[in-house]
Amino acid sequence: MSKASPGSLTAHLSDFVLNAKALWAFARHRKARCDTSRLGRFNDFMLKDIGLTRADILSAAHGKVYRRD
């Protein structure tokens, strides 16, 4: 059995991290699209009940809605 050189291990690890980041970004994008679609099916009264307007849907799907008092 041969050992992997430290440079090769580092390269594999950085590839793994890069792939993991890409996978997480893709998963976040898919979730935001799904959430946007679901919230878009709500009528205006349902959105108002949860404190949103139609203009807030995209921001809410990306987790960037701030409470207005």
PDB file of N, CA and C in Angstrom:
ATOM      1  N   MET A   1       0.843  -1.189   0.000  1.00  0.00           N
ATOM      2  CA  MET A   1       0.000   0.000   0.000  1.00  0.00           C
ATOM      3  C   MET A   1       0.881   1.244   0.000  1.00  0.00           C
ATOM      4  N   SER A   2       0.527   2.174  -0.794  1.00  0.00           N
ATOM      5  CA  SER A   2       1.297   3.411  -0.824  1.00  0.00           C
ATOM      6  C   SER A   2       0.493   4.519  -0.152  1.00  0.00           C
ATOM      7  N   LYS A   3       1.216   5.402   0.480  1.00  0.00           N
ATOM      8  CA  LYS A   3       0.565   6.529   1.135  1.00  0.00           C
ATOM      9  C   LYS A   3       0.377   7.665   0.139  1.00  0.00           C
ATOM     10  N   ALA A   4      -0.700   8.407   0.316  1.00  0.00           N
ATOM     11  CA  ALA A   4      -0.920   9.583  -0.528  1.00  0.00           C
ATOM     12  C   ALA A   4      -0.004  10.696  -0.046  1.00  0.00           C
ATOM     13  N   SER A   5       0.541  11.421  -0.992  1.00  0.00           N
ATOM     14  CA  SER A   5       1.397  12.536  -0.598  1.00  0.00           C
ATOM     15  C   SER A   5       0.537  13.644  -0.003  1.00  0.00           C
ATOM     16  N   PRO A   6       1.111  14.448   0.908  1.00  0.00           N
ATOM     17  CA  PRO A   6       0.325  15.516   1.539  1.00  0.00           C
ATOM     18  C   PRO A   6      -0.298  16.474   0.527  1.00  0.00           C
ATOM     19  N   GLY A   7       0.389  16.777  -0.554  1.00  0.00           N
ATOM     20  CA  GLY A   7      -0.160  17.672  -1.570  1.00  0.00           C
ATOM     21  C   GLY A   7      -1.402  17.086  -2.224  1.00  0.00           C
ATOM     22  N   SER A   8      -1.369  15.809  -2.486  1.00  0.00           N
ATOM     23  CA  SER A   8      -2.507  15.159  -3.121  1.00  0.00           C
ATOM     24  C   SER A   8      -3.697  15.094  -2.173  1.00  0.00           C
ATOM     25  N   LEU A   9      -3.434  14.849  -0.889  1.00  0.00           N
ATOM     26  CA  LEU A   9      -4.514  14.829   0.095  1.00  0.00           C
ATOM     27  C   LEU A   9      -5.161  16.211   0.208  1.00  0.00           C
ATOM     28  N   THR A  10      -4.346  17.237   0.208  1.00  0.00           N
ATOM     29  CA  THR A  10      -4.858  18.607   0.274  1.00  0.00           C
ATOM     30  C   THR A  10      -5.702  18.918  -0.956  1.00  0.00           C
ATOM     31  N   ALA A  11      -5.256  18.485  -2.116  1.00  0.00           N
ATOM     32  CA  ALA A  11      -6.011  18.720  -3.354  1.00  0.00           C
ATOM     33  C   ALA A  11      -7.352  18.015  -3.305  1.00  0.00           C
ATOM     34  N   HIS A  12      -7.357  16.774  -2.819  1.00  0.00           N
ATOM     35  CA  HIS A  12      -8.616  16.037  -2.714  1.00  0.00           C
ATOM     36  C   HIS A  12      -9.551  16.685  -1.702  1.00  0.00           C
ATOM     37  N   LEU A  13      -8.989  17.142  -0.613  1.00  0.00           N
ATOM     38  CA  LEU A  13      -9.809  17.785   0.407  1.00  0.00           C
ATOM     39  C   LEU A  13     -10.404  19.086  -0.120  1.00  0.00           C
ATOM     40  N   SER A  14      -9.610  19.882  -0.833  1.00  0.00           N
ATOM     41  CA  SER A  14     -10.135  21.137  -1.369  1.00  0.00           C
ATOM     42  C   SER A  14     -11.189  20.862  -2.438  1.00  0.00           C
ATOM     43  N   ASP A  15     -11.022  19.809  -3.238  1.00  0.00           N
ATOM     44  CA  ASP A  15     -12.049  19.425  -4.215  1.00  0.00           C
ATOM     45  C   ASP A  15     -13.339  19.022  -3.500  1.00  0.00           C
ATOM     46  N   PHE A  16     -13.193  18.264  -2.414  1.00  0.00           N
ATOM     47  CA  PHE A  16     -14.362  17.847  -1.642  1.00  0.00           C
ATOM     48  C   PHE A  16     -15.096  19.057  -1.082  1.00  0.00           C
ATOM     49  N   VAL A  17     -14.368  20.002  -0.507  1.00  0.00           N
ATOM     50  CA  VAL A  17     -14.979  21.199   0.071  1.00  0.00           C
ATOM     51  C   VAL A  17     -15.676  22.012  -1.015  1.00  0.00           C
ATOM     52  N   LEU A  18     -15.028  22.157  -2.162  1.00  0.00           N
ATOM     53  CA  LEU A  18     -15.618  22.892  -3.272  1.00  0.00           C
ATOM     54  C   LEU A  18     -16.904  22.221  -3.743  1.00  0.00           C
ATOM     55  N   ASN A  19     -16.884  20.915  -3.867  1.00  0.00           N
ATOM     56  CA  ASN A  19     -18.083  20.179  -4.279  1.00  0.00           C
ATOM     57  C   ASN A  19     -19.180  20.281  -3.229  1.00  0.00           C
ATOM     58  N   ALA A  20     -18.810  20.230  -1.962  1.00  0.00           N
ATOM     59  CA  ALA A  20     -19.803  20.344  -0.893  1.00  0.00           C
ATOM     60  C   ALA A  20     -20.450  21.725  -0.916  1.00  0.00           C
ATOM     61  N   LYS A  21     -19.656  22.765  -1.127  1.00  0.00           N
ATOM     62  CA  LYS A  21     -20.207  24.120  -1.201  1.00  0.00           C
ATOM     63  C   LYS A  21     -21.153  24.261  -2.379  1.00  0.00           C
ATOM     64  N   ALA A  22     -20.785  23.699  -3.505  1.00  0.00           N
ATOM     65  CA  ALA A  22     -21.643  23.756  -4.692  1.00  0.00           C
ATOM     66  C   ALA A  22     -22.950  23.007  -4.442  1.00  0.00           C
ATOM     67  N   LEU A  23     -22.856  21.865  -3.789  1.00  0.00           N
ATOM     68  CA  LEU A  23     -24.057  21.087  -3.477  1.00  0.00           C
ATOM     69  C   LEU A  23     -24.972  21.853  -2.533  1.00  0.00           C
ATOM     70  N   TRP A  24     -24.415  22.487  -1.505  1.00  0.00           N
ATOM     71  CA  TRP A  24     -25.217  23.279  -0.579  1.00  0.00           C
ATOM     72  C   TRP A  24     -25.863  24.468  -1.285  1.00  0.00           C
ATOM     73  N   ALA A  25     -25.132  25.125  -2.175  1.00  0.00           N
ATOM     74  CA  ALA A  25     -25.689  26.257  -2.919  1.00  0.00           C
ATOM     75  C   ALA A  25     -26.852  25.790  -3.796  1.00  0.00           C
ATOM     76  N   PHE A  26     -26.688  24.656  -4.442  1.00  0.00           N
ATOM     77  CA  PHE A  26     -27.755  24.114  -5.271  1.00  0.00           C
ATOM     78  C   PHE A  26     -28.972  23.763  -4.422  1.00  0.00           C
ATOM     79  N   ALA A  27     -28.751  23.146  -3.265  1.00  0.00           N
ATOM     80  CA  ALA A  27     -29.856  22.780  -2.377  1.00  0.00           C
ATOM     81  C   ALA A  27     -30.597  24.023  -1.882  1.00  0.00           C
ATOM     82  N   ARG A  28     -29.858  25.078  -1.524  1.00  0.00           N
ATOM     83  CA  ARG A  28     -30.502  26.324  -1.090  1.00  0.00           C
ATOM     84  C   ARG A  28     -31.326  26.941  -2.211  1.00  0.00           C
ATOM     85  N   HIS A  29     -30.786  26.910  -3.423  1.00  0.00           N
ATOM     86  CA  HIS A  29     -31.494  27.441  -4.582  1.00  0.00           C
ATOM     87  C   HIS A  29     -32.794  26.669  -4.832  1.00  0.00           C
ATOM     88  N   ARG A  30     -32.729  25.347  -4.791  1.00  0.00           N
ATOM     89  CA  ARG A  30     -33.926  24.512  -4.998  1.00  0.00           C
ATOM     90  C   ARG A  30     -34.973  24.764  -3.913  1.00  0.00           C
ATOM     91  N   LYS A  31     -34.533  24.882  -2.661  1.00  0.00           N
ATOM     92  CA  LYS A  31     -35.467  25.136  -1.572  1.00  0.00           C
ATOM     93  C   LYS A  31     -36.132  26.491  -1.742  1.00  0.00           C
ATOM     94  N   ALA A  32     -35.368  27.501  -2.131  1.00  0.00           N
ATOM     95  CA  ALA A  32     -35.944  28.837  -2.333  1.00  0.00           C
ATOM     96  C   ALA A  32     -36.970  28.811  -3.468  1.00  0.00           C
ATOM     97  N   ARG A  33     -36.675  28.071  -4.540  1.00  0.00           N
ATOM     98  CA  ARG A  33     -37.644  27.964  -5.642  1.00  0.00           C
ATOM     99  C   ARG A  33     -38.918  27.276  -5.186  1.00  0.00           C
ATOM    100  N   CYS A  34     -38.776  26.225  -4.405  1.00  0.00           N
ATOM    101  CA  CYS A  34     -39.937  25.495  -3.888  1.00  0.00           C
ATOM    102  C   CYS A  34     -40.756  26.389  -2.955  1.00  0.00           C
ATOM    103  N   ASP A  35     -40.082  27.090  -2.048  1.00  0.00           N
ATOM    104  CA  ASP A  35     -40.768  27.987  -1.120  1.00  0.00           C
ATOM    105  C   ASP A  35     -41.462  29.127  -1.847  1.00  0.00           C
ATOM    106  N   THR A  36     -40.819  29.672  -2.880  1.00  0.00           N
ATOM    107  CA  THR A  36     -41.430  30.733  -3.677  1.00  0.00           C
ATOM    108  C   THR A  36     -42.708  30.229  -4.335  1.00  0.00           C
ATOM    109  N   SER A  37     -42.655  29.041  -4.868  1.00  0.00           N
ATOM    110  CA  SER A  37     -43.826  28.451  -5.518  1.00  0.00           C
ATOM    111  C   SER A  37     -44.963  28.236  -4.518  1.00  0.00           C
ATOM    112  N   ARG A  38     -44.628  27.704  -3.355  1.00  0.00           N
ATOM    113  CA  ARG A  38     -45.658  27.459  -2.339  1.00  0.00           C
ATOM    114  C   ARG A  38     -46.281  28.749  -1.845  1.00  0.00           C
ATOM    115  N   LEU A  39     -45.444  29.726  -1.527  1.00  0.00           N
ATOM    116  CA  LEU A  39     -45.978  31.001  -1.053  1.00  0.00           C
ATOM    117  C   LEU A  39     -46.783  31.704  -2.138  1.00  0.00           C
ATOM    118  N   GLY A  40     -46.410  31.521  -3.378  1.00  0.00           N
ATOM    119  CA  GLY A  40     -47.137  32.124  -4.490  1.00  0.00           C
ATOM    120  C   GLY A  40     -48.548  31.589  -4.639  1.00  0.00           C
ATOM    121  N   ARG A  41     -48.789  30.397  -4.125  1.00  0.00           N
ATOM    122  CA  ARG A  41     -50.133  29.812  -4.181  1.00  0.00           C
ATOM    123  C   ARG A  41     -51.048  30.322  -3.070  1.00  0.00           C
ATOM    124  N   PHE A  42     -50.476  30.991  -2.075  1.00  0.00           N
ATOM    125  CA  PHE A  42     -51.295  31.547  -0.990  1.00  0.00           C
ATOM    126  C   PHE A  42     -52.086  32.739  -1.525  1.00  0.00           C
ATOM    127  N   ASN A  43     -53.301  32.907  -1.011  1.00  0.00           N
ATOM    128  CA  ASN A  43     -54.041  34.114  -1.382  1.00  0.00           C
ATOM    129  C   ASN A  43     -53.565  35.257  -0.481  1.00  0.00           C
ATOM    130  N   ASP A  44     -53.983  36.473  -0.813  1.00  0.00           N
ATOM    131  CA  ASP A  44     -53.495  37.648  -0.090  1.00  0.00           C
ATOM    132  C   ASP A  44     -53.842  37.615   1.401  1.00  0.00           C
ATOM    133  N   PHE A  45     -54.990  37.040   1.735  1.00  0.00           N
ATOM    134  CA  PHE A  45     -55.389  36.965   3.148  1.00  0.00           C
ATOM    135  C   PHE A  45     -54.485  36.004   3.920  1.00  0.00           C
ATOM    136  N   MET A  46     -54.136  34.896   3.297  1.00  0.00           N
ATOM    137  CA  MET A  46     -53.232  33.936   3.950  1.00  0.00           C
ATOM    138  C   MET A  46     -51.845  34.546   4.138  1.00  0.00           C
ATOM    139  N   LEU A  47     -51.366  35.267   3.121  1.00  0.00           N
ATOM    140  CA  LEU A  47     -50.071  35.924   3.250  1.00  0.00           C
ATOM    141  C   LEU A  47     -50.093  36.959   4.370  1.00  0.00           C
ATOM    142  N   LYS A  48     -51.191  37.713   4.449  1.00  0.00           N
ATOM    143  CA  LYS A  48     -51.303  38.729   5.495  1.00  0.00           C
ATOM    144  C   LYS A  48     -51.281  38.093   6.880  1.00  0.00           C
ATOM    145  N   ASP A  49     -51.891  36.916   7.014  1.00  0.00           N
ATOM    146  CA  ASP A  49     -51.897  36.207   8.298  1.00  0.00           C
ATOM    147  C   ASP A  49     -50.490  35.852   8.775  1.00  0.00           C
ATOM    148  N   ILE A  50     -49.596  35.594   7.850  1.00  0.00           N
ATOM    149  CA  ILE A  50     -48.229  35.255   8.245  1.00  0.00           C
ATOM    150  C   ILE A  50     -47.294  36.458   8.138  1.00  0.00           C
ATOM    151  N   GLY A  51     -47.893  37.622   7.888  1.00  0.00           N
ATOM    152  CA  GLY A  51     -47.110  38.859   7.910  1.00  0.00           C
ATOM    153  C   GLY A  51     -46.358  39.171   6.633  1.00  0.00           C
ATOM    154  N   LEU A  52     -46.840  38.646   5.507  1.00  0.00           N
ATOM    155  CA  LEU A  52     -46.175  38.886   4.230  1.00  0.00           C
ATOM    156  C   LEU A  52     -47.107  39.557   3.231  1.00  0.00           C
ATOM    157  N   THR A  53     -46.514  40.159   2.231  1.00  0.00           N
ATOM    158  CA  THR A  53     -47.251  40.649   1.072  1.00  0.00           C
ATOM    159  C   THR A  53     -46.692  39.927  -0.141  1.00  0.00           C
ATOM    160  N   ARG A  54     -47.323  40.095  -1.278  1.00  0.00           N
ATOM    161  CA  ARG A  54     -46.813  39.469  -2.507  1.00  0.00           C
ATOM    162  C   ARG A  54     -45.384  39.929  -2.796  1.00  0.00           C
ATOM    163  N   ALA A  55     -45.096  41.184  -2.476  1.00  0.00           N
ATOM    164  CA  ALA A  55     -43.762  41.724  -2.730  1.00  0.00           C
ATOM    165  C   ALA A  55     -42.693  41.077  -1.845  1.00  0.00           C
ATOM    166  N   ASP A  56     -43.106  40.469  -0.742  1.00  0.00           N
ATOM    167  CA  ASP A  56     -42.163  39.849   0.201  1.00  0.00           C
ATOM    168  C   ASP A  56     -41.838  38.396  -0.128  1.00  0.00           C
ATOM    169  N   ILE A  57     -42.560  37.783  -1.057  1.00  0.00           N
ATOM    170  CA  ILE A  57     -42.433  36.343  -1.284  1.00  0.00           C
ATOM    171  C   ILE A  57     -41.003  35.928  -1.639  1.00  0.00           C
ATOM    172  N   LEU A  58     -40.396  36.595  -2.579  1.00  0.00           N
ATOM    173  CA  LEU A  58     -39.045  36.201  -2.999  1.00  0.00           C
ATOM    174  C   LEU A  58     -38.042  36.352  -1.858  1.00  0.00           C
ATOM    175  N   SER A  59     -38.132  37.447  -1.128  1.00  0.00           N
ATOM    176  CA  SER A  59     -37.225  37.648   0.010  1.00  0.00           C
ATOM    177  C   SER A  59     -37.467  36.604   1.094  1.00  0.00           C
ATOM    178  N   ALA A  60     -38.732  36.309   1.361  1.00  0.00           N
ATOM    179  CA  ALA A  60     -39.062  35.316   2.382  1.00  0.00           C
ATOM    180  C   ALA A  60     -38.534  33.939   1.998  1.00  0.00           C
ATOM    181  N   ALA A  61     -38.631  33.602   0.737  1.00  0.00           N
ATOM    182  CA  ALA A  61     -38.144  32.305   0.275  1.00  0.00           C
ATOM    183  C   ALA A  61     -36.636  32.179   0.446  1.00  0.00           C
ATOM    184  N   HIS A  62     -35.942  33.299   0.407  1.00  0.00           N
ATOM    185  CA  HIS A  62     -34.490  33.292   0.604  1.00  0.00           C
ATOM    186  C   HIS A  62     -34.109  33.594   2.045  1.00  0.00           C
ATOM    187  N   GLY A  63     -35.115  33.682   2.944  1.00  0.00           N
ATOM    188  CA  GLY A  63     -34.848  33.893   4.363  1.00  0.00           C
ATOM    189  C   GLY A  63     -34.403  35.270   4.713  1.00  0.00           C
ATOM    190  N   LYS A  64     -34.826  36.282   3.940  1.00  0.00           N
ATOM    191  CA  LYS A  64     -34.349  37.646   4.166  1.00  0.00           C
ATOM    192  C   LYS A  64     -35.479  38.632   4.421  1.00  0.00           C
ATOM    193  N   VAL A  65     -36.516  38.201   5.113  1.00  0.00           N
ATOM    194  CA  VAL A  65     -37.621  39.107   5.434  1.00  0.00           C
ATOM    195  C   VAL A  65     -37.434  39.596   6.863  1.00  0.00           C
ATOM    196  N   TYR A  66     -37.544  40.870   7.026  1.00  0.00           N
ATOM    197  CA  TYR A  66     -37.414  41.469   8.351  1.00  0.00           C
ATOM    198  C   TYR A  66     -38.757  41.941   8.818  1.00  0.00           C
ATOM    199  N   ARG A  67     -38.991  41.771  10.064  1.00  0.00           N
ATOM    200  CA  ARG A  67     -40.275  42.102  10.657  1.00  0.00           C
ATOM    201  C   ARG A  67     -40.491  43.616  10.666  1.00  0.00           C
ATOM    202  N   ARG A  68     -41.668  43.998  10.211  1.00  0.00           N
ATOM    203  CA  ARG A  68     -42.027  45.422  10.242  1.00  0.00           C
ATOM    204  C   ARG A  68     -43.023  45.648  11.358  1.00  0.00           C
ATOM    205  N   ASP A  69     -42.736  46.582  12.232  1.00  0.00           N
ATOM    206  CA  ASP A  69     -43.676  46.879  13.319  1.00  0.00           C
ATOM    207  C   ASP A  69     -44.233  48.262  13.164  1.00  0.00           C
TER     208      ASP A  69
END
